[in-house]
Structures are given as C-alpha cells and as structure tokens.
Amino acid sequence: LAMSNSGPDTNSSQFFITMEAMKELNGKYTIIGGI
C-alpha cells in the first residue's frame, strides 16, 4: 500500500495497491503499509 503522487513530495489522499512485486517502483513512492 503506497501513496500515489504527481511528482516528488506531492502525496495527498490517492493511494495504490500492488498485485505483484514491482521492483521498478522502488525509491519512487512512499510506502505506508502491506497486506
């Protein structure tokens, strides 16, 4: 469970949940939880 954004430091309410491992996202989004 991670926060969606429109660029660095733009987190608000939108989030996304991954269905598979997605290593290409590492370092790009703030993670707030996991199943």
Full PDB file with SEQRES, HELIX, SHEET, SSBOND, CRYST1, ORIGX, SCALE, CONECT and MASTER records, all heavy atoms in Angstrom:
SEQRES   1 A   35  LEU ALA MET SER ASN SER GLY PRO ASP THR ASN SER SER          
SEQRES   2 A   35  GLN PHE PHE ILE THR MET GLU ALA MET LYS GLU LEU ASN          
SEQRES   3 A   35  GLY LYS TYR THR ILE ILE GLY GLY ILE                          
HELIX    1 AA1 LYS A   23  LEU A   25  5                                   3    
CRYST1    1.000    1.000    1.000  90.00  90.00  90.00 P 1           1          
ORIGX1      1.000000  0.000000  0.000000        0.00000                         
ORIGX2      0.000000  1.000000  0.000000        0.00000                         
ORIGX3      0.000000  0.000000  1.000000        0.00000                         
SCALE1      1.000000  0.000000  0.000000        0.00000                         
SCALE2      0.000000  1.000000  0.000000        0.00000                         
SCALE3      0.000000  0.000000  1.000000        0.00000                         
ATOM      1  N   LEU A   1       0.861  -1.185   0.000  1.00  0.00           N  
ATOM      2  CA  LEU A   1       0.000   0.000   0.000  1.00  0.00           C  
ATOM      3  C   LEU A   1       0.894   1.232   0.000  1.00  0.00           C  
ATOM      4  O   LEU A   1       1.704   1.420   0.913  1.00  0.00           O  
ATOM      5  CB  LEU A   1      -0.893  -0.001   1.247  1.00  0.00           C  
ATOM      6  CG  LEU A   1      -1.753   1.236   1.502  1.00  0.00           C  
ATOM      7  CD1 LEU A   1      -2.800   1.423   0.399  1.00  0.00           C  
ATOM      8  CD2 LEU A   1      -2.439   1.136   2.878  1.00  0.00           C  
ATOM      9  N   ALA A   2       0.772   2.050  -1.036  1.00  0.00           N  
ATOM     10  CA  ALA A   2       1.656   3.215  -1.174  1.00  0.00           C  
ATOM     11  C   ALA A   2       0.865   4.428  -1.644  1.00  0.00           C  
ATOM     12  O   ALA A   2      -0.232   4.309  -2.207  1.00  0.00           O  
ATOM     13  CB  ALA A   2       2.786   2.914  -2.152  1.00  0.00           C  
ATOM     14  N   MET A   3       1.447   5.600  -1.424  1.00  0.00           N  
ATOM     15  CA  MET A   3       0.798   6.844  -1.813  1.00  0.00           C  
ATOM     16  C   MET A   3       1.095   7.167  -3.281  1.00  0.00           C  
ATOM     17  O   MET A   3       2.247   7.128  -3.717  1.00  0.00           O  
ATOM     18  CB  MET A   3       1.273   7.999  -0.932  1.00  0.00           C  
ATOM     19  CG  MET A   3       1.001   7.816   0.558  1.00  0.00           C  
ATOM     20  SD  MET A   3      -0.732   7.422   0.942  1.00  0.00           S  
ATOM     21  CE  MET A   3      -1.541   8.944   0.442  1.00  0.00           C  
ATOM     22  N   SER A   4       0.046   7.473  -4.031  1.00  0.00           N  
ATOM     23  CA  SER A   4       0.218   7.952  -5.409  1.00  0.00           C  
ATOM     24  C   SER A   4       0.688   9.403  -5.355  1.00  0.00           C  
ATOM     25  O   SER A   4       0.464  10.105  -4.365  1.00  0.00           O  
ATOM     26  CB  SER A   4      -1.105   7.872  -6.167  1.00  0.00           C  
ATOM     27  OG  SER A   4      -1.627   6.569  -6.153  1.00  0.00           O  
ATOM     28  N   ASN A   5       1.319   9.854  -6.422  1.00  0.00           N  
ATOM     29  CA  ASN A   5       1.742  11.249  -6.457  1.00  0.00           C  
ATOM     30  C   ASN A   5       1.813  11.760  -7.891  1.00  0.00           C  
ATOM     31  O   ASN A   5       1.704  10.992  -8.842  1.00  0.00           O  
ATOM     32  CB  ASN A   5       3.097  11.430  -5.754  1.00  0.00           C  
ATOM     33  CG  ASN A   5       4.210  10.649  -6.415  1.00  0.00           C  
ATOM     34  OD1 ASN A   5       4.365  10.664  -7.640  1.00  0.00           O  
ATOM     35  ND2 ASN A   5       5.023   9.957  -5.609  1.00  0.00           N  
ATOM     36  N   SER A   6       1.988  13.057  -8.016  1.00  0.00           N  
ATOM     37  CA  SER A   6       2.153  13.679  -9.334  1.00  0.00           C  
ATOM     38  C   SER A   6       3.570  14.219  -9.479  1.00  0.00           C  
ATOM     39  O   SER A   6       3.845  15.069 -10.324  1.00  0.00           O  
ATOM     40  CB  SER A   6       1.137  14.816  -9.520  1.00  0.00           C  
ATOM     41  OG  SER A   6       1.268  15.784  -8.491  1.00  0.00           O  
ATOM     42  N   GLY A   7       4.463  13.713  -8.635  1.00  0.00           N  
ATOM     43  CA  GLY A   7       5.844  14.164  -8.600  1.00  0.00           C  
ATOM     44  C   GLY A   7       6.358  14.079  -7.176  1.00  0.00           C  
ATOM     45  O   GLY A   7       5.606  13.740  -6.253  1.00  0.00           O  
ATOM     46  N   PRO A   8       7.621  14.389  -6.942  1.00  0.00           N  
ATOM     47  CA  PRO A   8       8.184  14.333  -5.589  1.00  0.00           C  
ATOM     48  C   PRO A   8       7.419  15.210  -4.600  1.00  0.00           C  
ATOM     49  O   PRO A   8       7.025  16.332  -4.920  1.00  0.00           O  
ATOM     50  CB  PRO A   8       9.615  14.848  -5.787  1.00  0.00           C  
ATOM     51  CG  PRO A   8       9.921  14.564  -7.223  1.00  0.00           C  
ATOM     52  CD  PRO A   8       8.623  14.763  -7.952  1.00  0.00           C  
ATOM     53  N   ASP A   9       7.183  14.663  -3.410  1.00  0.00           N  
ATOM     54  CA  ASP A   9       6.582  15.417  -2.300  1.00  0.00           C  
ATOM     55  C   ASP A   9       5.191  15.968  -2.612  1.00  0.00           C  
ATOM     56  O   ASP A   9       4.853  17.089  -2.220  1.00  0.00           O  
ATOM     57  CB  ASP A   9       7.511  16.566  -1.878  1.00  0.00           C  
ATOM     58  CG  ASP A   9       8.884  16.079  -1.433  1.00  0.00           C  
ATOM     59  OD1 ASP A   9       8.935  15.075  -0.693  1.00  0.00           O  
ATOM     60  OD2 ASP A   9       9.896  16.682  -1.832  1.00  0.00           O  
ATOM     61  N   THR A  10       4.368  15.179  -3.310  1.00  0.00           N  
ATOM     62  CA  THR A  10       3.013  15.625  -3.645  1.00  0.00           C  
ATOM     63  C   THR A  10       1.962  14.602  -3.195  1.00  0.00           C  
ATOM     64  O   THR A  10       0.921  14.453  -3.823  1.00  0.00           O  
ATOM     65  CB  THR A  10       2.861  15.870  -5.157  1.00  0.00           C  
ATOM     66  OG1 THR A  10       3.175  14.662  -5.873  1.00  0.00           O  
ATOM     67  CG2 THR A  10       3.776  16.989  -5.629  1.00  0.00           C  
ATOM     68  N   ASN A  11       2.225  13.902  -2.105  1.00  0.00           N  
ATOM     69  CA  ASN A  11       1.255  12.927  -1.603  1.00  0.00           C  
ATOM     70  C   ASN A  11       0.045  13.638  -1.021  1.00  0.00           C  
ATOM     71  O   ASN A  11       0.162  14.700  -0.411  1.00  0.00           O  
ATOM     72  CB  ASN A  11       1.901  12.051  -0.526  1.00  0.00           C  
ATOM     73  CG  ASN A  11       3.167  11.377  -1.016  1.00  0.00           C  
ATOM     74  OD1 ASN A  11       3.208  10.870  -2.130  1.00  0.00           O  
ATOM     75  ND2 ASN A  11       4.209  11.385  -0.201  1.00  0.00           N  
ATOM     76  N   SER A  12      -1.116  13.034  -1.201  1.00  0.00           N  
ATOM     77  CA  SER A  12      -2.342  13.627  -0.658  1.00  0.00           C  
ATOM     78  C   SER A  12      -3.251  12.504  -0.141  1.00  0.00           C  
ATOM     79  O   SER A  12      -2.990  11.941   0.917  1.00  0.00           O  
ATOM     80  CB  SER A  12      -3.039  14.474  -1.722  1.00  0.00           C  
ATOM     81  OG  SER A  12      -4.092  15.216  -1.163  1.00  0.00           O  
ATOM     82  N   SER A  13      -4.288  12.162  -0.890  1.00  0.00           N  
ATOM     83  CA  SER A  13      -5.187  11.083  -0.451  1.00  0.00           C  
ATOM     84  C   SER A  13      -5.093   9.853  -1.338  1.00  0.00           C  
ATOM     85  O   SER A  13      -5.452   8.751  -0.922  1.00  0.00           O  
ATOM     86  CB  SER A  13      -6.637  11.582  -0.447  1.00  0.00           C  
ATOM     87  OG  SER A  13      -7.050  11.939  -1.763  1.00  0.00           O  
ATOM     88  N   GLN A  14      -4.638  10.024  -2.572  1.00  0.00           N  
ATOM     89  CA  GLN A  14      -4.620   8.905  -3.506  1.00  0.00           C  
ATOM     90  C   GLN A  14      -3.574   7.862  -3.114  1.00  0.00           C  
ATOM     91  O   GLN A  14      -2.481   8.208  -2.674  1.00  0.00           O  
ATOM     92  CB  GLN A  14      -4.341   9.398  -4.923  1.00  0.00           C  
ATOM     93  CG  GLN A  14      -5.456  10.250  -5.516  1.00  0.00           C  
ATOM     94  CD  GLN A  14      -5.207  10.537  -6.987  1.00  0.00           C  
ATOM     95  OE1 GLN A  14      -4.826   9.640  -7.752  1.00  0.00           O  
ATOM     96  NE2 GLN A  14      -5.420  11.775  -7.386  1.00  0.00           N  
ATOM     97  N   PHE A  15      -3.937   6.598  -3.309  1.00  0.00           N  
ATOM     98  CA  PHE A  15      -3.032   5.502  -2.985  1.00  0.00           C  
ATOM     99  C   PHE A  15      -3.148   4.426  -4.056  1.00  0.00           C  
ATOM    100  O   PHE A  15      -4.073   4.433  -4.874  1.00  0.00           O  
ATOM    101  CB  PHE A  15      -3.384   4.903  -1.611  1.00  0.00           C  
ATOM    102  CG  PHE A  15      -4.784   4.338  -1.540  1.00  0.00           C  
ATOM    103  CD1 PHE A  15      -5.059   3.055  -2.005  1.00  0.00           C  
ATOM    104  CD2 PHE A  15      -5.821   5.101  -1.023  1.00  0.00           C  
ATOM    105  CE1 PHE A  15      -6.347   2.544  -1.963  1.00  0.00           C  
ATOM    106  CE2 PHE A  15      -7.116   4.589  -0.978  1.00  0.00           C  
ATOM    107  CZ  PHE A  15      -7.383   3.311  -1.444  1.00  0.00           C  
ATOM    108  N   PHE A  16      -2.213   3.501  -4.036  1.00  0.00           N  
ATOM    109  CA  PHE A  16      -2.326   2.336  -4.907  1.00  0.00           C  
ATOM    110  C   PHE A  16      -1.879   1.095  -4.151  1.00  0.00           C  
ATOM    111  O   PHE A  16      -1.140   1.175  -3.155  1.00  0.00           O  
ATOM    112  CB  PHE A  16      -1.538   2.509  -6.213  1.00  0.00           C  
ATOM    113  CG  PHE A  16      -0.047   2.643  -6.055  1.00  0.00           C  
ATOM    114  CD1 PHE A  16       0.789   1.524  -6.108  1.00  0.00           C  
ATOM    115  CD2 PHE A  16       0.544   3.895  -5.867  1.00  0.00           C  
ATOM    116  CE1 PHE A  16       2.152   1.642  -5.989  1.00  0.00           C  
ATOM    117  CE2 PHE A  16       1.923   4.024  -5.755  1.00  0.00           C  
ATOM    118  CZ  PHE A  16       2.728   2.892  -5.810  1.00  0.00           C  
ATOM    119  N   ILE A  17      -2.355  -0.055  -4.622  1.00  0.00           N  
ATOM    120  CA  ILE A  17      -2.035  -1.341  -4.006  1.00  0.00           C  
ATOM    121  C   ILE A  17      -1.497  -2.252  -5.098  1.00  0.00           C  
ATOM    122  O   ILE A  17      -2.136  -2.399  -6.148  1.00  0.00           O  
ATOM    123  CB  ILE A  17      -3.283  -1.992  -3.370  1.00  0.00           C  
ATOM    124  CG1 ILE A  17      -4.054  -0.995  -2.497  1.00  0.00           C  
ATOM    125  CG2 ILE A  17      -2.883  -3.218  -2.552  1.00  0.00           C  
ATOM    126  CD1 ILE A  17      -5.469  -1.452  -2.153  1.00  0.00           C  
ATOM    127  N   THR A  18      -0.356  -2.853  -4.864  1.00  0.00           N  
ATOM    128  CA  THR A  18       0.255  -3.699  -5.890  1.00  0.00           C  
ATOM    129  C   THR A  18      -0.258  -5.137  -5.801  1.00  0.00           C  
ATOM    130  O   THR A  18      -0.470  -5.674  -4.715  1.00  0.00           O  
ATOM    131  CB  THR A  18       1.782  -3.706  -5.759  1.00  0.00           C  
ATOM    132  OG1 THR A  18       2.152  -4.206  -4.461  1.00  0.00           O  
ATOM    133  CG2 THR A  18       2.344  -2.303  -5.935  1.00  0.00           C  
ATOM    134  N   MET A  19      -0.438  -5.756  -6.972  1.00  0.00           N  
ATOM    135  CA  MET A  19      -0.863  -7.158  -7.041  1.00  0.00           C  
ATOM    136  C   MET A  19       0.323  -8.100  -7.201  1.00  0.00           C  
ATOM    137  O   MET A  19       0.221  -9.298  -6.965  1.00  0.00           O  
ATOM    138  CB  MET A  19      -1.802  -7.358  -8.233  1.00  0.00           C  
ATOM    139  CG  MET A  19      -3.059  -6.529  -8.205  1.00  0.00           C  
ATOM    140  SD  MET A  19      -4.060  -6.906  -9.665  1.00  0.00           S  
ATOM    141  CE  MET A  19      -5.148  -5.487  -9.696  1.00  0.00           C  
ATOM    142  N   GLU A  20       1.440  -7.552  -7.665  1.00  0.00           N  
ATOM    143  CA  GLU A  20       2.655  -8.325  -7.892  1.00  0.00           C  
ATOM    144  C   GLU A  20       3.847  -7.528  -7.387  1.00  0.00           C  
ATOM    145  O   GLU A  20       3.742  -6.335  -7.111  1.00  0.00           O  
ATOM    146  CB  GLU A  20       2.841  -8.612  -9.397  1.00  0.00           C  
ATOM    147  CG  GLU A  20       1.687  -9.327 -10.071  1.00  0.00           C  
ATOM    148  CD  GLU A  20       1.572 -10.782  -9.667  1.00  0.00           C  
ATOM    149  OE1 GLU A  20       2.548 -11.301  -9.065  1.00  0.00           O  
ATOM    150  OE2 GLU A  20       0.535 -11.404  -9.947  1.00  0.00           O  
ATOM    151  N   ALA A  21       4.986  -8.193  -7.266  1.00  0.00           N  
ATOM    152  CA  ALA A  21       6.221  -7.471  -6.971  1.00  0.00           C  
ATOM    153  C   ALA A  21       6.495  -6.508  -8.118  1.00  0.00           C  
ATOM    154  O   ALA A  21       6.370  -6.866  -9.289  1.00  0.00           O  
ATOM    155  CB  ALA A  21       7.377  -8.445  -6.808  1.00  0.00           C  
ATOM    156  N   MET A  22       6.851  -5.269  -7.807  1.00  0.00           N  
ATOM    157  CA  MET A  22       7.100  -4.251  -8.833  1.00  0.00           C  
ATOM    158  C   MET A  22       8.357  -3.475  -8.456  1.00  0.00           C  
ATOM    159  O   MET A  22       8.304  -2.312  -8.031  1.00  0.00           O  
ATOM    160  CB  MET A  22       5.882  -3.332  -8.969  1.00  0.00           C  
ATOM    161  CG  MET A  22       4.592  -4.072  -9.297  1.00  0.00           C  
ATOM    162  SD  MET A  22       3.153  -2.982  -9.575  1.00  0.00           S  
ATOM    163  CE  MET A  22       3.532  -2.372 -11.225  1.00  0.00           C  
ATOM    164  N   LYS A  23       9.503  -4.123  -8.622  1.00  0.00           N  
ATOM    165  CA  LYS A  23      10.780  -3.545  -8.205  1.00  0.00           C  
ATOM    166  C   LYS A  23      11.099  -2.231  -8.916  1.00  0.00           C  
ATOM    167  O   LYS A  23      11.875  -1.419  -8.403  1.00  0.00           O  
ATOM    168  CB  LYS A  23      11.900  -4.556  -8.435  1.00  0.00           C  
ATOM    169  CG  LYS A  23      11.778  -5.809  -7.576  1.00  0.00           C  
ATOM    170  CD  LYS A  23      12.948  -6.755  -7.804  1.00  0.00           C  
ATOM    171  CE  LYS A  23      12.820  -8.004  -6.936  1.00  0.00           C  
ATOM    172  NZ  LYS A  23      13.962  -8.932  -7.102  1.00  0.00           N  
ATOM    173  N   GLU A  24      10.496  -2.028 -10.077  1.00  0.00           N  
ATOM    174  CA  GLU A  24      10.758  -0.791 -10.816  1.00  0.00           C  
ATOM    175  C   GLU A  24      10.208   0.445 -10.100  1.00  0.00           C  
ATOM    176  O   GLU A  24      10.547   1.579 -10.448  1.00  0.00           O  
ATOM    177  CB  GLU A  24      10.159  -0.878 -12.227  1.00  0.00           C  
ATOM    178  CG  GLU A  24       8.646  -0.964 -12.270  1.00  0.00           C  
ATOM    179  CD  GLU A  24       8.090  -2.374 -12.183  1.00  0.00           C  
ATOM    180  OE1 GLU A  24       8.839  -3.266 -11.709  1.00  0.00           O  
ATOM    181  OE2 GLU A  24       6.929  -2.582 -12.572  1.00  0.00           O  
ATOM    182  N   LEU A  25       9.376   0.230  -9.090  1.00  0.00           N  
ATOM    183  CA  LEU A  25       8.805   1.350  -8.334  1.00  0.00           C  
ATOM    184  C   LEU A  25       9.648   1.732  -7.120  1.00  0.00           C  
ATOM    185  O   LEU A  25       9.376   2.743  -6.475  1.00  0.00           O  
ATOM    186  CB  LEU A  25       7.382   1.003  -7.872  1.00  0.00           C  
ATOM    187  CG  LEU A  25       6.359   0.671  -8.959  1.00  0.00           C  
ATOM    188  CD1 LEU A  25       4.989   0.417  -8.338  1.00  0.00           C  
ATOM    189  CD2 LEU A  25       6.267   1.787  -9.993  1.00  0.00           C  
ATOM    190  N   ASN A  26      10.641   0.936  -6.801  1.00  0.00           N  
ATOM    191  CA  ASN A  26      11.463   1.194  -5.617  1.00  0.00           C  
ATOM    192  C   ASN A  26      12.082   2.591  -5.646  1.00  0.00           C  
ATOM    193  O   ASN A  26      12.641   3.020  -6.653  1.00  0.00           O  
ATOM    194  CB  ASN A  26      12.576   0.149  -5.498  1.00  0.00           C  
ATOM    195  CG  ASN A  26      12.053  -1.199  -5.045  1.00  0.00           C  
ATOM    196  OD1 ASN A  26      10.960  -1.305  -4.509  1.00  0.00           O  
ATOM    197  ND2 ASN A  26      12.837  -2.247  -5.258  1.00  0.00           N  
ATOM    198  N   GLY A  27      11.934   3.283  -4.520  1.00  0.00           N  
ATOM    199  CA  GLY A  27      12.518   4.612  -4.388  1.00  0.00           C  
ATOM    200  C   GLY A  27      11.709   5.733  -4.989  1.00  0.00           C  
ATOM    201  O   GLY A  27      12.108   6.898  -4.916  1.00  0.00           O  
ATOM    202  N   LYS A  28      10.550   5.412  -5.574  1.00  0.00           N  
ATOM    203  CA  LYS A  28       9.759   6.433  -6.260  1.00  0.00           C  
ATOM    204  C   LYS A  28       8.495   6.836  -5.505  1.00  0.00           C  
ATOM    205  O   LYS A  28       7.944   7.910  -5.777  1.00  0.00           O  
ATOM    206  CB  LYS A  28       9.373   5.931  -7.658  1.00  0.00           C  
ATOM    207  CG  LYS A  28      10.563   5.669  -8.569  1.00  0.00           C  
ATOM    208  CD  LYS A  28      10.128   5.124  -9.919  1.00  0.00           C  
ATOM    209  CE  LYS A  28      11.324   4.847 -10.814  1.00  0.00           C  
ATOM    210  NZ  LYS A  28      10.919   4.270 -12.127  1.00  0.00           N  
ATOM    211  N   TYR A  29       8.039   5.987  -4.595  1.00  0.00           N  
ATOM    212  CA  TYR A  29       6.785   6.254  -3.890  1.00  0.00           C  
ATOM    213  C   TYR A  29       6.917   5.956  -2.399  1.00  0.00           C  
ATOM    214  O   TYR A  29       7.722   5.125  -1.988  1.00  0.00           O  
ATOM    215  CB  TYR A  29       5.649   5.404  -4.480  1.00  0.00           C  
ATOM    216  CG  TYR A  29       5.366   5.704  -5.940  1.00  0.00           C  
ATOM    217  CD1 TYR A  29       5.999   4.977  -6.952  1.00  0.00           C  
ATOM    218  CD2 TYR A  29       4.488   6.723  -6.300  1.00  0.00           C  
ATOM    219  CE1 TYR A  29       5.760   5.258  -8.282  1.00  0.00           C  
ATOM    220  CE2 TYR A  29       4.246   7.009  -7.634  1.00  0.00           C  
ATOM    221  CZ  TYR A  29       4.885   6.277  -8.621  1.00  0.00           C  
ATOM    222  OH  TYR A  29       4.650   6.564  -9.939  1.00  0.00           O  
ATOM    223  N   THR A  30       6.096   6.635  -1.605  1.00  0.00           N  
ATOM    224  CA  THR A  30       6.083   6.433  -0.163  1.00  0.00           C  
ATOM    225  C   THR A  30       5.192   5.249   0.184  1.00  0.00           C  
ATOM    226  O   THR A  30       3.989   5.251  -0.103  1.00  0.00           O  
ATOM    227  CB  THR A  30       5.575   7.688   0.564  1.00  0.00           C  
ATOM    228  OG1 THR A  30       6.482   8.770   0.339  1.00  0.00           O  
ATOM    229  CG2 THR A  30       5.441   7.439   2.063  1.00  0.00           C  
ATOM    230  N   ILE A  31       5.768   4.253   0.807  1.00  0.00           N  
ATOM    231  CA  ILE A  31       5.027   3.059   1.233  1.00  0.00           C  
ATOM    232  C   ILE A  31       4.486   3.276   2.643  1.00  0.00           C  
ATOM    233  O   ILE A  31       5.228   3.662   3.549  1.00  0.00           O  
ATOM    234  CB  ILE A  31       5.935   1.816   1.204  1.00  0.00           C  
ATOM    235  CG1 ILE A  31       6.372   1.522  -0.236  1.00  0.00           C  
ATOM    236  CG2 ILE A  31       5.233   0.608   1.817  1.00  0.00           C  
ATOM    237  CD1 ILE A  31       7.404   0.412  -0.353  1.00  0.00           C  
ATOM    238  N   ILE A  32       3.196   3.013   2.833  1.00  0.00           N  
ATOM    239  CA  ILE A  32       2.600   3.192   4.159  1.00  0.00           C  
ATOM    240  C   ILE A  32       2.076   1.890   4.760  1.00  0.00           C  
ATOM    241  O   ILE A  32       1.687   1.857   5.933  1.00  0.00           O  
ATOM    242  CB  ILE A  32       1.460   4.233   4.141  1.00  0.00           C  
ATOM    243  CG1 ILE A  32       0.298   3.764   3.258  1.00  0.00           C  
ATOM    244  CG2 ILE A  32       1.979   5.597   3.703  1.00  0.00           C  
ATOM    245  CD1 ILE A  32      -0.947   4.650   3.385  1.00  0.00           C  
ATOM    246  N   GLY A  33       2.056   0.805   3.974  1.00  0.00           N  
ATOM    247  CA  GLY A  33       1.537  -0.437   4.534  1.00  0.00           C  
ATOM    248  C   GLY A  33       1.729  -1.629   3.617  1.00  0.00           C  
ATOM    249  O   GLY A  33       2.260  -1.508   2.501  1.00  0.00           O  
ATOM    250  N   GLY A  34       1.299  -2.787   4.095  1.00  0.00           N  
ATOM    251  CA  GLY A  34       1.364  -4.021   3.322  1.00  0.00           C  
ATOM    252  C   GLY A  34       0.294  -4.981   3.792  1.00  0.00           C  
ATOM    253  O   GLY A  34      -0.152  -4.912   4.947  1.00  0.00           O  
ATOM    254  N   ILE A  35      -0.138  -5.872   2.912  1.00  0.00           N  
ATOM    255  CA  ILE A  35      -1.240  -6.785   3.250  1.00  0.00           C  
ATOM    256  C   ILE A  35      -0.867  -7.698   4.409  1.00  0.00           C  
ATOM    257  O   ILE A  35       0.296  -8.029   4.627  1.00  0.00           O  
ATOM    258  CB  ILE A  35      -1.666  -7.638   2.041  1.00  0.00           C  
ATOM    259  CG1 ILE A  35      -0.468  -8.421   1.470  1.00  0.00           C  
ATOM    260  CG2 ILE A  35      -2.342  -6.786   0.993  1.00  0.00           C  
ATOM    261  CD1 ILE A  35      -0.860  -9.455   0.444  1.00  0.00           C  
TER     262      ILE A  35                                                      
MASTER        0    0    0    1    0    0    0    6  261    1    0    3          
END                                                                             
